[in-house]
Amino acid sequence: MLILTRRAGESIHLGEDIIISVLSMKGKQVKLGIEVPEDLPVYREEVFKKIQQENEQAILACSQDFMAAADLWTRQNRKK
């Protein structure tokens, strides 16, 4: 992990397209401004983790559905 110290009004550039600026600091909170290309999604950590969790559940359900369909297909072919 890269750790940098910035003051209010200072920025960090990630490549050519991403700029993170410290807008203000108040107590234990830091307000950040983030400039990113329109096609790059930005999520808060808790939202990102929830999306990952839901994607994993969807993959598991899809896999279970596929296995159930394969089992039905196998049973039908045995009857023929």
C-alpha atoms as a PDB file:
ATOM      1  CA  MET A   1       0.000   0.000   0.000  1.00  0.00           C
ATOM      2  CA  LEU A   2       1.281   3.441  -0.918  1.00  0.00           C
ATOM      3  CA  ILE A   3       0.754   5.982   1.857  1.00  0.00           C
ATOM      4  CA  LEU A   4       0.880   9.687   0.992  1.00  0.00           C
ATOM      5  CA  THR A   5       0.310  12.808   3.053  1.00  0.00           C
ATOM      6  CA  ARG A   6      -1.744  15.565   1.438  1.00  0.00           C
ATOM      7  CA  ARG A   7      -3.195  18.808   2.746  1.00  0.00           C
ATOM      8  CA  ALA A   8      -6.529  20.371   1.847  1.00  0.00           C
ATOM      9  CA  GLY A   9      -6.333  21.655  -1.716  1.00  0.00           C
ATOM     10  CA  GLU A  10      -3.634  19.165  -2.745  1.00  0.00           C
ATOM     11  CA  SER A  11      -4.159  16.301  -5.189  1.00  0.00           C
ATOM     12  CA  ILE A  12      -2.834  12.933  -6.293  1.00  0.00           C
ATOM     13  CA  HIS A  13      -2.810  11.866  -9.958  1.00  0.00           C
ATOM     14  CA  LEU A  14      -3.274   8.204 -10.843  1.00  0.00           C
ATOM     15  CA  GLY A  15      -2.126   7.908 -14.424  1.00  0.00           C
ATOM     16  CA  GLU A  16      -3.458  10.581 -16.742  1.00  0.00           C
ATOM     17  CA  ASP A  17      -7.181  10.128 -16.146  1.00  0.00           C
ATOM     18  CA  ILE A  18      -7.714   9.965 -12.366  1.00  0.00           C
ATOM     19  CA  ILE A  19      -7.250  12.822  -9.906  1.00  0.00           C
ATOM     20  CA  ILE A  20      -7.954  12.550  -6.178  1.00  0.00           C
ATOM     21  CA  SER A  21      -8.121  15.896  -4.378  1.00  0.00           C
ATOM     22  CA  VAL A  22      -8.351  16.598  -0.655  1.00  0.00           C
ATOM     23  CA  LEU A  23     -11.181  19.128  -0.430  1.00  0.00           C
ATOM     24  CA  SER A  24     -11.317  19.586   3.330  1.00  0.00           C
ATOM     25  CA  MET A  25     -10.601  17.990   6.679  1.00  0.00           C
ATOM     26  CA  LYS A  26     -12.841  18.253   9.724  1.00  0.00           C
ATOM     27  CA  GLY A  27     -12.048  16.257  12.847  1.00  0.00           C
ATOM     28  CA  LYS A  28     -11.547  12.637  11.781  1.00  0.00           C
ATOM     29  CA  GLN A  29     -13.232  13.105   8.400  1.00  0.00           C
ATOM     30  CA  VAL A  30     -11.585  13.912   5.110  1.00  0.00           C
ATOM     31  CA  LYS A  31     -13.641  15.114   2.144  1.00  0.00           C
ATOM     32  CA  LEU A  32     -12.205  13.866  -1.161  1.00  0.00           C
ATOM     33  CA  GLY A  33     -12.976  14.896  -4.710  1.00  0.00           C
ATOM     34  CA  ILE A  34     -12.355  12.203  -7.333  1.00  0.00           C
ATOM     35  CA  GLU A  35     -12.179  12.894 -11.066  1.00  0.00           C
ATOM     36  CA  VAL A  36     -12.468   9.741 -13.174  1.00  0.00           C
ATOM     37  CA  PRO A  37     -13.519   8.947 -16.742  1.00  0.00           C
ATOM     38  CA  GLU A  38     -17.295   8.527 -17.113  1.00  0.00           C
ATOM     39  CA  ASP A  39     -16.984   4.839 -17.993  1.00  0.00           C
ATOM     40  CA  LEU A  40     -15.040   3.976 -14.811  1.00  0.00           C
ATOM     41  CA  PRO A  41     -17.313   2.976 -11.922  1.00  0.00           C
ATOM     42  CA  VAL A  42     -16.445   4.231  -8.435  1.00  0.00           C
ATOM     43  CA  TYR A  43     -17.952   2.558  -5.350  1.00  0.00           C
ATOM     44  CA  ARG A  44     -17.699   3.029  -1.611  1.00  0.00           C
ATOM     45  CA  GLU A  45     -16.031  -0.027  -0.094  1.00  0.00           C
ATOM     46  CA  GLU A  46     -19.180  -1.360   1.594  1.00  0.00           C
ATOM     47  CA  VAL A  47     -21.152  -1.074  -1.666  1.00  0.00           C
ATOM     48  CA  PHE A  48     -18.371  -2.794  -3.627  1.00  0.00           C
ATOM     49  CA  LYS A  49     -18.269  -5.687  -1.135  1.00  0.00           C
ATOM     50  CA  LYS A  50     -22.070  -6.065  -1.354  1.00  0.00           C
ATOM     51  CA  ILE A  51     -21.899  -6.191  -5.171  1.00  0.00           C
ATOM     52  CA  GLN A  52     -19.174  -8.856  -4.999  1.00  0.00           C
ATOM     53  CA  GLN A  53     -21.246 -10.879  -2.530  1.00  0.00           C
ATOM     54  CA  GLU A  54     -24.350 -10.706  -4.735  1.00  0.00           C
ATOM     55  CA  ASN A  55     -22.315 -11.683  -7.816  1.00  0.00           C
ATOM     56  CA  GLU A  56     -20.932 -14.724  -5.988  1.00  0.00           C
ATOM     57  CA  GLN A  57     -24.466 -15.751  -4.975  1.00  0.00           C
ATOM     58  CA  ALA A  58     -25.672 -15.328  -8.570  1.00  0.00           C
ATOM     59  CA  ILE A  59     -22.827 -17.501  -9.883  1.00  0.00           C
ATOM     60  CA  LEU A  60     -23.628 -20.185  -7.317  1.00  0.00           C
ATOM     61  CA  ALA A  61     -27.352 -20.107  -8.186  1.00  0.00           C
ATOM     62  CA  CYS A  62     -26.551 -20.256 -11.911  1.00  0.00           C
ATOM     63  CA  SER A  63     -24.246 -23.208 -11.335  1.00  0.00           C
ATOM     64  CA  GLN A  64     -26.925 -25.006  -9.306  1.00  0.00           C
ATOM     65  CA  ASP A  65     -29.519 -24.319 -12.030  1.00  0.00           C
ATOM     66  CA  PHE A  66     -27.131 -25.654 -14.673  1.00  0.00           C
ATOM     67  CA  MET A  67     -26.511 -28.834 -12.674  1.00  0.00           C
ATOM     68  CA  ALA A  68     -30.258 -29.329 -12.164  1.00  0.00           C
ATOM     69  CA  ALA A  69     -30.892 -28.879 -15.908  1.00  0.00           C
ATOM     70  CA  ALA A  70     -28.100 -31.327 -16.750  1.00  0.00           C
ATOM     71  CA  ASP A  71     -29.577 -33.847 -14.322  1.00  0.00           C
ATOM     72  CA  LEU A  72     -33.053 -33.511 -15.917  1.00  0.00           C
ATOM     73  CA  TRP A  73     -31.567 -33.882 -19.397  1.00  0.00           C
ATOM     74  CA  THR A  74     -29.686 -37.005 -18.324  1.00  0.00           C
ATOM     75  CA  ARG A  75     -32.823 -38.537 -16.782  1.00  0.00           C
ATOM     76  CA  GLN A  76     -34.880 -37.831 -19.933  1.00  0.00           C
ATOM     77  CA  ASN A  77     -32.256 -39.367 -22.175  1.00  0.00           C
ATOM     78  CA  ARG A  78     -32.129 -42.522 -20.029  1.00  0.00           C
ATOM     79  CA  LYS A  79     -35.894 -43.004 -20.501  1.00  0.00           C
ATOM     80  CA  LYS A  80     -35.548 -43.048 -24.296  1.00  0.00           C
END
